[in-house]
Protein backbone atom coordinates (compact mmCIF):
# COMPACT_ATOMS: atom_id res chain seq x y z
CA UNK A 1 -27.54 2.49 45.56
CA UNK A 2 -30.26 1.52 47.80
CA UNK A 3 -31.39 -2.27 48.50
CA UNK A 4 -34.84 -1.49 46.51
CA UNK A 5 -32.85 -0.42 43.29
CA UNK A 6 -30.52 -3.50 43.82
CA UNK A 7 -33.07 -5.85 44.25
CA UNK A 8 -34.66 -4.45 40.94
CA UNK A 9 -31.58 -5.00 39.10
CA UNK A 10 -31.50 -8.39 40.52
CA UNK A 11 -34.77 -9.02 39.11
CA UNK A 12 -33.72 -7.54 35.83
CA UNK A 13 -30.90 -9.87 35.55
CA UNK A 14 -33.10 -13.05 35.72
CA UNK A 15 -35.09 -11.76 33.23
CA UNK A 16 -32.32 -10.88 30.90
CA UNK A 17 -31.15 -14.80 31.40
CA UNK A 18 -34.95 -15.72 30.51
CA UNK A 19 -35.45 -13.35 27.73
CA UNK A 20 -31.90 -14.20 26.15
CA UNK A 21 -32.35 -17.75 26.28
CA UNK A 22 -35.63 -17.66 24.73
CA UNK A 23 -34.16 -16.04 21.89
CA UNK A 24 -30.53 -17.10 21.20
CA UNK A 25 -32.28 -20.77 20.70
CA UNK A 26 -33.11 -20.20 17.26
CA UNK A 27 -29.88 -19.34 16.15
CA UNK A 28 -28.68 -22.92 17.07
CA UNK A 29 -31.76 -24.87 15.62
CA UNK A 30 -29.96 -25.83 12.40
CA UNK A 31 -26.70 -27.21 14.31
CA UNK A 32 -28.97 -29.16 16.80
CA UNK A 33 -30.59 -30.55 13.82
CA UNK A 34 -27.82 -31.88 12.54
CA UNK A 35 -26.52 -33.34 16.01
CA UNK A 36 -29.79 -35.31 16.20
CA UNK A 37 -30.43 -35.97 12.69
CA UNK A 38 -33.61 -34.07 12.80
CA UNK A 39 -35.66 -31.96 10.30
CA UNK A 40 -36.04 -28.14 10.93
CA UNK A 41 -39.59 -28.65 11.34
CA UNK A 42 -38.70 -30.78 14.27
CA UNK A 43 -36.41 -28.88 16.09
CA UNK A 44 -38.43 -25.93 15.84
CA UNK A 45 -40.56 -27.79 18.61
CA UNK A 46 -37.76 -26.63 20.97
CA UNK A 47 -39.03 -23.03 20.52
CA UNK A 48 -42.60 -23.60 20.32
CA UNK A 49 -42.79 -26.14 23.36
CA UNK A 50 -41.12 -23.74 25.38
CA UNK A 51 -43.25 -20.72 24.21
CA UNK A 52 -46.49 -23.13 24.92
CA UNK A 53 -45.05 -24.22 28.41
CA UNK A 54 -44.58 -20.64 29.68
CA UNK A 55 -48.15 -19.60 28.31
CA UNK A 56 -49.82 -22.60 30.33
CA UNK A 57 -47.90 -22.18 33.52
CA UNK A 58 -47.86 -18.46 33.63
CA UNK A 59 -51.42 -18.38 35.76
CA UNK A 60 -49.84 -20.40 38.14
CA UNK A 61 -47.44 -17.70 39.34
CA UNK A 62 -49.60 -15.65 41.34
CA UNK A 63 -51.19 -18.45 43.29
CA UNK A 64 -47.81 -19.93 44.15
CA UNK A 65 -46.22 -16.78 45.01
CA UNK A 66 -49.29 -16.15 47.66
CA UNK A 67 -49.30 -19.84 48.66
CA UNK A 68 -45.29 -20.00 49.34
CA UNK A 69 -44.03 -16.66 48.99
CA UNK A 70 -42.58 -14.79 46.23
CA UNK A 71 -39.00 -15.37 47.21
CA UNK A 72 -38.98 -19.24 47.31
CA UNK A 73 -40.94 -19.69 44.13
CA UNK A 74 -38.35 -16.82 42.36
CA UNK A 75 -35.46 -18.53 43.81
CA UNK A 76 -37.19 -22.20 42.82
CA UNK A 77 -37.65 -20.82 39.38
CA UNK A 78 -34.19 -19.67 39.11
CA UNK A 79 -32.82 -22.87 40.24
CA UNK A 80 -34.97 -25.01 37.89
CA UNK A 81 -34.03 -22.66 35.14
CA UNK A 82 -30.37 -23.45 35.66
CA UNK A 83 -30.58 -26.99 36.13
CA UNK A 84 -32.59 -27.42 33.07
CA UNK A 85 -29.80 -25.54 31.37
CA UNK A 86 -27.05 -27.70 32.18
CA UNK A 87 -29.62 -30.44 31.42
CA UNK A 88 -30.11 -29.16 27.76
CA UNK A 89 -26.55 -28.96 27.19
CA UNK A 90 -25.71 -32.45 28.11
CA UNK A 91 -28.84 -33.91 26.42
CA UNK A 92 -27.81 -37.28 24.80
CA UNK A 93 -30.95 -37.37 22.83
CA UNK A 94 -33.34 -34.81 21.26
CA UNK A 95 -36.32 -35.89 23.26
CA UNK A 96 -34.40 -35.53 26.23
CA UNK A 97 -33.55 -32.06 25.42
CA UNK A 98 -37.34 -31.32 24.13
CA UNK A 99 -37.93 -32.34 27.87
CA UNK A 100 -35.42 -30.07 29.58
CA UNK A 101 -36.66 -27.07 27.23
CA UNK A 102 -40.14 -27.85 28.86
CA UNK A 103 -38.66 -27.57 32.22
CA UNK A 104 -37.27 -23.92 31.55
CA UNK A 105 -40.45 -22.93 30.31
CA UNK A 106 -41.98 -24.10 33.62
CA UNK A 107 -39.20 -22.27 35.19
CA UNK A 108 -39.58 -19.28 33.01
CA UNK A 109 -43.32 -19.36 33.59
CA UNK A 110 -42.84 -18.76 37.34
CA UNK A 111 -39.44 -16.55 37.53
CA UNK A 112 -40.61 -13.71 35.02
CA UNK A 113 -43.97 -12.49 36.71
CA UNK A 114 -42.36 -13.18 40.18
CA UNK A 115 -39.63 -11.11 39.48
CA UNK A 116 -41.84 -8.17 38.39
CA UNK A 117 -44.17 -8.91 41.50
CA UNK A 118 -41.06 -8.75 43.65
CA UNK A 119 -40.34 -5.21 41.90
CA UNK A 120 -43.63 -3.78 41.69
CA UNK A 121 -45.97 -5.28 44.69
CA UNK A 122 -44.76 -2.74 47.38
CA UNK A 123 -43.57 0.01 45.36
CA UNK A 124 -44.98 3.26 45.41
CA UNK A 125 -46.89 4.94 42.89
CA UNK A 126 -44.26 7.86 42.71
CA UNK A 127 -41.50 5.11 42.28
CA UNK A 128 -43.23 2.91 39.84
CA UNK A 129 -41.74 4.65 36.23
CA UNK A 130 -38.47 4.46 37.86
CA UNK A 131 -38.53 0.91 39.56
CA UNK A 132 -40.15 -0.26 35.59
CA UNK A 133 -37.41 1.23 33.71
CA UNK A 134 -35.09 -1.44 35.13
CA UNK A 135 -37.43 -4.04 34.39
CA UNK A 136 -37.38 -2.72 30.93
CA UNK A 137 -33.80 -2.88 29.99
CA UNK A 138 -33.81 -7.14 29.54
CA UNK A 139 -36.59 -7.24 27.00
CA UNK A 140 -34.78 -4.34 24.78
CA UNK A 141 -30.96 -5.60 25.22
CA UNK A 142 -31.51 -9.27 25.29
CA UNK A 143 -33.05 -9.59 21.43
CA UNK A 144 -30.47 -7.47 20.26
CA UNK A 145 -27.62 -9.19 21.43
CA UNK A 146 -29.07 -12.45 21.10
CA UNK A 147 -28.23 -13.11 17.37
CA UNK A 148 -24.75 -11.62 17.46
CA UNK A 149 -23.89 -13.61 20.70
CA UNK A 150 -25.68 -17.02 19.32
CA UNK A 151 -23.58 -16.70 16.01
CA UNK A 152 -20.49 -16.26 17.87
CA UNK A 153 -21.10 -19.27 20.16
CA UNK A 154 -22.32 -21.43 16.95
CA UNK A 155 -19.29 -20.60 14.84
CA UNK A 156 -16.48 -20.85 17.50
CA UNK A 157 -17.72 -23.17 19.97
CA UNK A 158 -21.08 -25.44 20.18
CA UNK A 159 -24.60 -24.87 20.47
CA UNK A 160 -24.33 -26.63 23.89
CA UNK A 161 -22.58 -23.36 24.94
CA UNK A 162 -26.09 -21.31 24.57
CA UNK A 163 -27.23 -23.14 27.86
CA UNK A 164 -24.01 -23.43 29.39
CA UNK A 165 -23.92 -19.58 29.69
CA UNK A 166 -26.79 -19.80 31.66
CA UNK A 167 -25.20 -21.43 34.63
CA UNK A 168 -22.70 -18.84 36.01
CA UNK A 169 -25.69 -16.08 35.62
CA UNK A 170 -28.16 -18.49 37.40
CA UNK A 171 -25.65 -19.15 40.23
CA UNK A 172 -24.57 -15.92 40.72
CA UNK A 173 -28.10 -14.51 40.98
CA UNK A 174 -28.95 -17.62 43.27
CA UNK A 175 -26.38 -16.64 45.54
CA UNK A 176 -27.28 -12.87 45.92
CA UNK A 177 -30.94 -13.51 45.79
CA UNK A 178 -30.68 -15.85 48.64
CA UNK A 179 -28.97 -13.56 50.64
CA UNK A 180 -30.83 -9.87 49.68
CA UNK A 181 -34.37 -10.81 49.51
CA UNK A 182 -36.38 -10.86 52.95
CA UNK A 183 -38.99 -13.93 53.49
CA UNK A 184 -42.31 -13.26 53.03
CA UNK A 185 -44.22 -12.59 55.92
CA UNK A 186 -47.86 -13.53 55.25
CA UNK A 187 -48.55 -16.67 52.98
CA UNK A 188 -52.14 -17.26 52.41
CA UNK A 189 -53.52 -20.72 51.54
CA UNK A 190 -56.40 -20.02 49.40
CA UNK A 191 -58.10 -23.08 47.55
CA UNK A 192 -56.59 -23.90 43.97
CA UNK A 193 -58.76 -23.31 40.83
CA UNK A 194 -58.77 -26.04 38.94
CA UNK A 195 -61.22 -25.38 36.54
CA UNK A 196 -59.72 -21.74 35.64
CA UNK A 197 -56.30 -23.09 35.08
CA UNK A 198 -57.53 -25.80 32.69
CA UNK A 199 -59.30 -23.54 30.57
CA UNK A 200 -56.58 -21.03 30.66
CA UNK A 201 -54.52 -23.99 29.68
CA UNK A 202 -56.20 -25.76 26.83
CA UNK A 203 -57.46 -22.15 25.49
CA UNK A 204 -53.64 -21.17 25.51
CA UNK A 205 -52.63 -24.19 23.86
CA UNK A 206 -55.26 -24.33 21.43
CA UNK A 207 -54.43 -20.51 20.09
CA UNK A 208 -50.25 -21.09 19.89
CA UNK A 209 -50.59 -24.69 18.31
CA UNK A 210 -53.15 -23.04 16.00
CA UNK A 211 -51.08 -20.11 15.38
CA UNK A 212 -47.54 -21.66 15.21
CA UNK A 213 -49.16 -24.58 12.84
CA UNK A 214 -50.30 -21.57 10.59
CA UNK A 215 -46.51 -20.41 9.86
CA UNK A 216 -45.38 -24.11 8.59
CA UNK A 217 -44.77 -24.78 5.18
CA UNK A 218 -48.32 -26.20 3.53
CA UNK A 219 -50.13 -25.70 6.62
CA UNK A 220 -53.77 -26.53 6.74
CA UNK A 221 -55.49 -22.96 7.15
CA UNK A 222 -58.73 -24.18 7.85
CA UNK A 223 -57.26 -26.18 11.09
CA UNK A 224 -54.87 -23.50 11.86
CA UNK A 225 -57.85 -20.94 11.80
CA UNK A 226 -60.39 -23.25 13.68
CA UNK A 227 -57.74 -23.63 16.66
CA UNK A 228 -57.28 -20.19 17.16
CA UNK A 229 -60.94 -19.34 16.92
CA UNK A 230 -61.87 -21.88 19.32
CA UNK A 231 -58.91 -20.82 21.79
CA UNK A 232 -60.20 -17.36 21.43
CA UNK A 233 -63.63 -18.30 22.45
CA UNK A 234 -62.26 -20.24 25.21
CA UNK A 235 -60.81 -17.21 26.47
CA UNK A 236 -64.01 -15.42 26.85
CA UNK A 237 -64.89 -18.73 28.69
CA UNK A 238 -61.90 -17.85 31.30
CA UNK A 239 -63.16 -14.55 31.76
CA UNK A 240 -66.48 -15.35 32.46
CA UNK A 241 -65.01 -17.74 34.94
CA UNK A 242 -62.70 -15.58 36.62
CA UNK A 243 -64.98 -12.93 37.22
CA UNK A 244 -67.78 -14.94 38.59
CA UNK A 245 -65.81 -17.69 40.65
CA UNK A 246 -65.59 -17.31 44.35
CA UNK A 247 -61.97 -18.16 44.44
CA UNK A 248 -60.51 -17.37 40.88
CA UNK A 249 -56.91 -18.41 40.07
CA UNK A 250 -56.55 -14.67 39.92
CA UNK A 251 -58.74 -11.96 39.93
CA UNK A 252 -59.81 -9.66 36.65
CA UNK A 253 -61.17 -6.90 38.83
CA UNK A 254 -58.03 -4.64 37.61
CA UNK A 255 -59.51 -4.38 34.19
CA UNK A 256 -62.17 -1.96 35.63
CA UNK A 257 -59.05 0.56 36.08
CA UNK A 258 -58.44 2.42 32.58
CA UNK A 259 -55.13 2.79 33.10
CA UNK A 260 -54.45 -0.96 33.27
CA UNK A 261 -57.25 -1.91 30.54
CA UNK A 262 -55.33 -0.08 28.07
CA UNK A 263 -52.05 -1.84 28.76
CA UNK A 264 -53.93 -5.03 28.13
CA UNK A 265 -56.01 -3.74 25.07
CA UNK A 266 -53.64 -1.67 23.32
CA UNK A 267 -50.55 -2.90 24.74
CA UNK A 268 -51.41 -6.03 23.02
CA UNK A 269 -51.96 -4.76 19.61
CA UNK A 270 -48.31 -3.25 20.00
CA UNK A 271 -46.81 -6.61 21.11
CA UNK A 272 -48.30 -8.13 17.78
CA UNK A 273 -47.05 -5.37 15.54
CA UNK A 274 -43.70 -4.55 16.91
CA UNK A 275 -43.17 -8.72 17.90
CA UNK A 276 -43.68 -9.18 14.10
CA UNK A 277 -42.00 -6.76 12.55
CA UNK A 278 -38.32 -8.09 13.05
CA UNK A 279 -39.60 -11.24 11.30
CA UNK A 280 -41.65 -9.31 8.69
CA UNK A 281 -38.53 -7.22 7.59
CA UNK A 282 -35.83 -10.13 7.70
CA UNK A 283 -38.30 -12.52 5.39
CA UNK A 284 -39.06 -9.65 2.95
CA UNK A 285 -35.47 -8.25 2.74
CA UNK A 286 -34.19 -11.87 1.77
CA UNK A 287 -36.98 -13.14 -0.28
CA UNK A 288 -37.95 -10.13 -2.41
CA UNK A 289 -34.73 -7.96 -2.40
CA UNK A 290 -32.60 -11.39 -2.46
CA UNK A 291 -30.27 -10.10 0.42
CA UNK A 292 -28.01 -12.61 2.31
CA UNK A 293 -29.36 -13.17 6.03
CA UNK A 294 -26.29 -11.73 7.42
CA UNK A 295 -27.17 -8.60 5.02
CA UNK A 296 -30.72 -8.45 6.03
CA UNK A 297 -29.84 -9.08 9.54
CA UNK A 298 -27.60 -6.24 9.93
CA UNK A 299 -30.41 -3.74 8.98
CA UNK A 300 -33.13 -5.46 11.37
CA UNK A 301 -30.68 -4.66 14.23
CA UNK A 302 -31.20 -1.20 13.43
CA UNK A 303 -34.71 -2.03 15.26
CA UNK A 304 -32.99 -2.91 18.41
CA UNK A 305 -30.29 0.13 17.94
CA UNK A 306 -33.78 2.30 18.13
CA UNK A 307 -35.06 0.21 21.23
CA UNK A 308 -31.83 0.87 23.61
CA UNK A 309 -31.04 4.20 21.98
CA UNK A 310 -34.10 6.13 23.17
CA UNK A 311 -34.22 4.19 26.49
CA UNK A 312 -32.43 6.60 28.10
CA UNK A 313 -34.59 9.16 27.72
CA UNK A 314 -37.96 7.39 27.88
CA UNK A 315 -38.37 8.91 31.58
CA UNK A 316 -37.90 12.33 30.56
CA UNK A 317 -40.20 12.14 27.42
CA UNK A 318 -42.95 10.51 29.25
CA UNK A 319 -42.50 13.46 32.11
CA UNK A 320 -42.61 16.07 29.53
CA UNK A 321 -45.35 14.91 27.59
CA UNK A 322 -47.33 12.89 30.30
CA UNK A 323 -48.42 9.24 29.81
CA UNK A 324 -51.11 10.02 27.06
CA UNK A 325 -48.20 12.34 24.97
CA UNK A 326 -45.69 9.55 25.39
CA UNK A 327 -47.95 7.03 24.18
CA UNK A 328 -49.34 8.88 21.57
CA UNK A 329 -45.61 9.82 20.13
CA UNK A 330 -44.78 6.15 20.51
CA UNK A 331 -47.83 5.20 18.32
CA UNK A 332 -47.12 7.41 15.59
CA UNK A 333 -43.52 6.55 15.37
CA UNK A 334 -44.82 2.77 14.55
CA UNK A 335 -47.41 3.72 12.52
CA UNK A 336 -45.67 6.09 10.35
CA UNK A 337 -42.45 3.66 9.97
CA UNK A 338 -44.75 0.53 9.33
CA UNK A 339 -46.59 2.26 6.79
CA UNK A 340 -43.23 3.79 5.19
CA UNK A 341 -41.68 0.38 4.90
CA UNK A 342 -44.50 -0.81 2.73
CA UNK A 343 -42.86 1.60 -0.06
CA UNK A 344 -39.39 0.75 0.27
CA UNK A 345 -37.65 -0.79 -3.10
CA UNK A 346 -34.35 -2.64 -4.10
CA UNK A 347 -33.53 0.86 -4.72
CA UNK A 348 -34.11 2.65 -1.85
CA UNK A 349 -31.23 4.06 -0.27
CA UNK A 350 -29.73 1.83 2.72
CA UNK A 351 -29.93 4.60 5.41
CA UNK A 352 -33.50 5.36 4.70
CA UNK A 353 -34.36 1.59 5.38
CA UNK A 354 -31.93 1.82 8.60
CA UNK A 355 -33.92 4.69 9.68
CA UNK A 356 -37.38 3.56 9.46
CA UNK A 357 -36.47 0.64 11.33
CA UNK A 358 -34.47 2.66 13.94
CA UNK A 359 -38.00 4.66 14.36
CA UNK A 360 -40.03 1.58 14.90
CA UNK A 361 -37.45 0.35 17.57
CA UNK A 362 -37.59 3.69 19.26
CA UNK A 363 -41.89 4.08 19.26
CA UNK A 364 -41.62 0.39 20.61
CA UNK A 365 -39.22 1.07 23.28
CA UNK A 366 -41.04 4.51 24.49
CA UNK A 367 -44.51 2.65 24.42
CA UNK A 368 -43.24 -0.20 26.22
CA UNK A 369 -41.88 2.24 29.19
CA UNK A 370 -45.02 4.02 29.24
CA UNK A 371 -47.30 0.78 29.51
CA UNK A 372 -45.13 -0.94 32.18
CA UNK A 373 -45.32 2.57 34.31
CA UNK A 374 -48.43 3.09 33.89
CA UNK A 375 -50.04 -0.27 33.98
CA UNK A 376 -49.76 -0.45 37.74
CA UNK A 377 -50.39 3.31 38.73
CA UNK A 378 -54.02 3.04 39.81
CA UNK A 379 -53.87 -0.58 41.08
CA UNK A 380 -53.75 -1.05 45.19
CA UNK A 381 -50.94 -2.74 46.26
CA UNK A 382 -52.63 -6.01 47.56
CA UNK A 383 -54.33 -6.41 44.16
CA UNK A 384 -50.96 -6.57 42.07
CA UNK A 385 -50.60 -9.60 42.35
CA UNK A 386 -53.64 -10.65 40.22
CA UNK A 387 -52.88 -7.60 38.07
CA UNK A 388 -49.30 -8.81 37.23
CA UNK A 389 -50.10 -12.43 36.73
CA UNK A 390 -53.11 -11.27 34.00
CA UNK A 391 -50.79 -9.16 32.39
CA UNK A 392 -48.09 -11.51 32.00
CA UNK A 393 -50.90 -14.06 30.20
CA UNK A 394 -51.84 -11.41 27.90
CA UNK A 395 -48.56 -10.42 26.72
CA UNK A 396 -47.33 -13.76 26.37
CA UNK A 397 -50.29 -14.69 24.08
CA UNK A 398 -49.61 -11.52 22.00
CA UNK A 399 -46.26 -12.04 21.70
CA UNK A 400 -46.85 -15.69 20.66
CA UNK A 401 -49.49 -14.74 18.11
CA UNK A 402 -47.36 -11.69 16.73
CA UNK A 403 -45.11 -13.84 13.86
CA UNK A 404 -48.11 -16.11 12.94
CA UNK A 405 -50.69 -13.30 12.63
CA UNK A 406 -48.27 -11.44 10.02
CA UNK A 407 -47.65 -15.08 8.18
CA UNK A 408 -51.33 -15.72 7.61
CA UNK A 409 -52.02 -12.15 6.65
CA UNK A 410 -49.32 -12.24 3.83
CA UNK A 411 -50.23 -15.43 2.93
CA UNK A 412 -53.95 -14.68 2.10
CA UNK A 413 -53.12 -11.59 0.70
CA UNK A 414 -50.63 -13.42 -1.80
CA UNK A 415 -53.16 -15.37 -3.18
CA UNK A 416 -54.78 -12.70 -4.75
CA UNK A 417 -51.75 -10.26 -5.72
CA UNK A 418 -47.96 -10.72 -5.95
CA UNK A 419 -45.82 -11.64 -3.29
CA UNK A 420 -44.14 -8.56 -3.10
CA UNK A 421 -47.26 -6.52 -2.65
CA UNK A 422 -48.75 -8.94 -0.12
CA UNK A 423 -45.72 -8.12 2.10
CA UNK A 424 -46.02 -4.54 1.33
CA UNK A 425 -49.60 -4.92 2.74
CA UNK A 426 -48.11 -6.44 5.65
CA UNK A 427 -45.78 -4.00 6.44
CA UNK A 428 -49.01 -1.17 6.21
CA UNK A 429 -51.01 -3.22 8.27
CA UNK A 430 -48.61 -3.75 11.09
CA UNK A 431 -48.43 0.50 11.00
CA UNK A 432 -52.30 0.59 11.32
CA UNK A 433 -52.98 -1.70 14.15
CA UNK A 434 -51.75 1.24 15.83
CA UNK A 435 -54.77 2.96 15.06
CA UNK A 436 -56.75 1.27 17.78
CA UNK A 437 -54.34 2.18 20.69
CA UNK A 438 -54.23 5.85 19.31
CA UNK A 439 -58.15 6.21 19.45
CA UNK A 440 -58.20 4.56 23.11
CA UNK A 441 -55.53 6.92 24.66
CA UNK A 442 -56.86 9.75 22.82
CA UNK A 443 -60.05 10.16 24.90
CA UNK A 444 -58.01 9.73 27.89
CA UNK A 445 -56.99 12.44 30.37
CA UNK A 446 -53.92 14.15 30.37
CA UNK A 447 -53.23 13.69 33.84
CA UNK A 448 -53.69 9.86 33.62
CA UNK A 449 -50.88 8.36 36.04
CA UNK A 450 -49.50 11.74 36.80
CA UNK A 451 -49.23 10.04 40.45
CA UNK A 452 -46.29 8.11 39.23
CA UNK A 453 -44.30 11.11 38.02
CA UNK A 454 -44.16 13.33 40.73
CA UNK A 455 -40.81 11.75 42.12
CA UNK A 456 -39.78 9.65 39.24
């Protein structure tokens, strides 16, 4: 195993720790609420504060990597994430626990983009798909095992251990990273773009707070919608600033490259769709079918079975079909499975529901691998820092909006029809969202990204 692959696996381990922590916390919220005598709405802040903090501070990662070096920033982020995990486990009050989650968000916002940058910045185009495959695994495995691992920990130990488990992982990663990673040779000290940072932070907070508020019981829909709309308008202002500033926080010139641009536009809709599907299916099976949470969760788990099951074959599929063909196949799987789920009923055979969930997961995994491999295919190495930061910002926002979007859609439709019908329309809408990326990719050349396939 070459050192390059070892470093890629090390970075994947840090991504796994961050994604697992972000997912597993949700299983512990009821127990945390009991410990600190807090309501469900209050304990949910542990998730929303983390997500908002990640979104706000991700834009800093590229600038800090330029200023202090990727190795220092990544090691510092891992150390902060590990220390704040310990602080979360030992927190004597809910306020301190919330503060520790905020610090975890800061660490995660720096660790994830920098880890990707360490692997991808100097990778030759012909090796991109191979290197990306190592970074995709954490995003597929961590959400799949988090409910099971979290349930085990909560049942047999205590919620504190969902944070304690980060300690050995973080310490080992720190030790190996300190030994393996070479220091950066040329750090640059360009001026910090305060205006760009504040604009992005304000827009991100407005969008995510508005979206999160929309999912609450008795939500103020007008206020939530207004916050999201103002935030989206702010993103337009951010785009103008970044494209005209002399020293922007990060450049947006990568959007001129078609292969990168479609990964942000169509890729965002993909994240919206597949990110919301597990939530929608879980709620639908429990609310409409009346299934127990364990039974519903067992069927939703097939989404992640599909994620992982197809992963060993995604590179082969992309090589055989090309990026264009693989993406179209993935979009069709997500579209068909989403629309088909709108027609399931209580008497639908269980294997059919499991199969549809698995097909949706397979489409997500294939599209995610293809998008990640294609994203930097035509981006020059010196421009990958800014492109990586931009991609991380877009992806975080899309993931944060998925559940909120489908919650609002179902609520609005339920005002005019039965709740069961509203959920059915929700499934269909999540599938039909794939029409845009299908049309977007359809007109692209079949040779798009072929430079990354020659030696994969």
